[in-house]
Amino acid sequence: GQIVEQGMEYAGVAARSPDGAPLPVSHILYAANKYIAGDCYSVNKDFMACKANNSDPAACLKEGERVRACVKAVLKSLDADCGAHLTAHSKCIFKNNNKFEMCRAEQAKVEECRPPPAGSRPEGTKY
């Protein structure tokens, strides 16, 4: 299929919510992974701890909503600060089937625009 590129649109599917924020689809999440890992670490940790201690999916809805809200805030903020670079990086990831190693130049532009938060890359983690 042909990739339609208008703003953050991929294969004819919009990648923005009605309020203009990037949607949390795989290629956008990959492009923002360091920022999400750093800024949402504590809420993700709380959610994973809740899931580890509860077999009832409803038990962790509050924690899950905090993760969703954090990711949405990170995407909106990163897009406001570095929108063109985030779009270029996420489009590259999309075109390369989520293989972000093919998009290091675009990644560098995002990171030049806004350095990733401290602690966004745990020891021994590659991405």
Foldseek 3Di string as FASTA:
>chain_A
DDFDDDQQGGPNRHQADPVGFGHPDLLLCLLCQLQLLQQVVVLVVVLVVQVVVDPDPVRRPVSVVSSVVRVRVSRRVLCVQPVVLSSVQSVQCVVVVNPSVSRVVSSVSSCVSPNGDPPSAPPPRDD
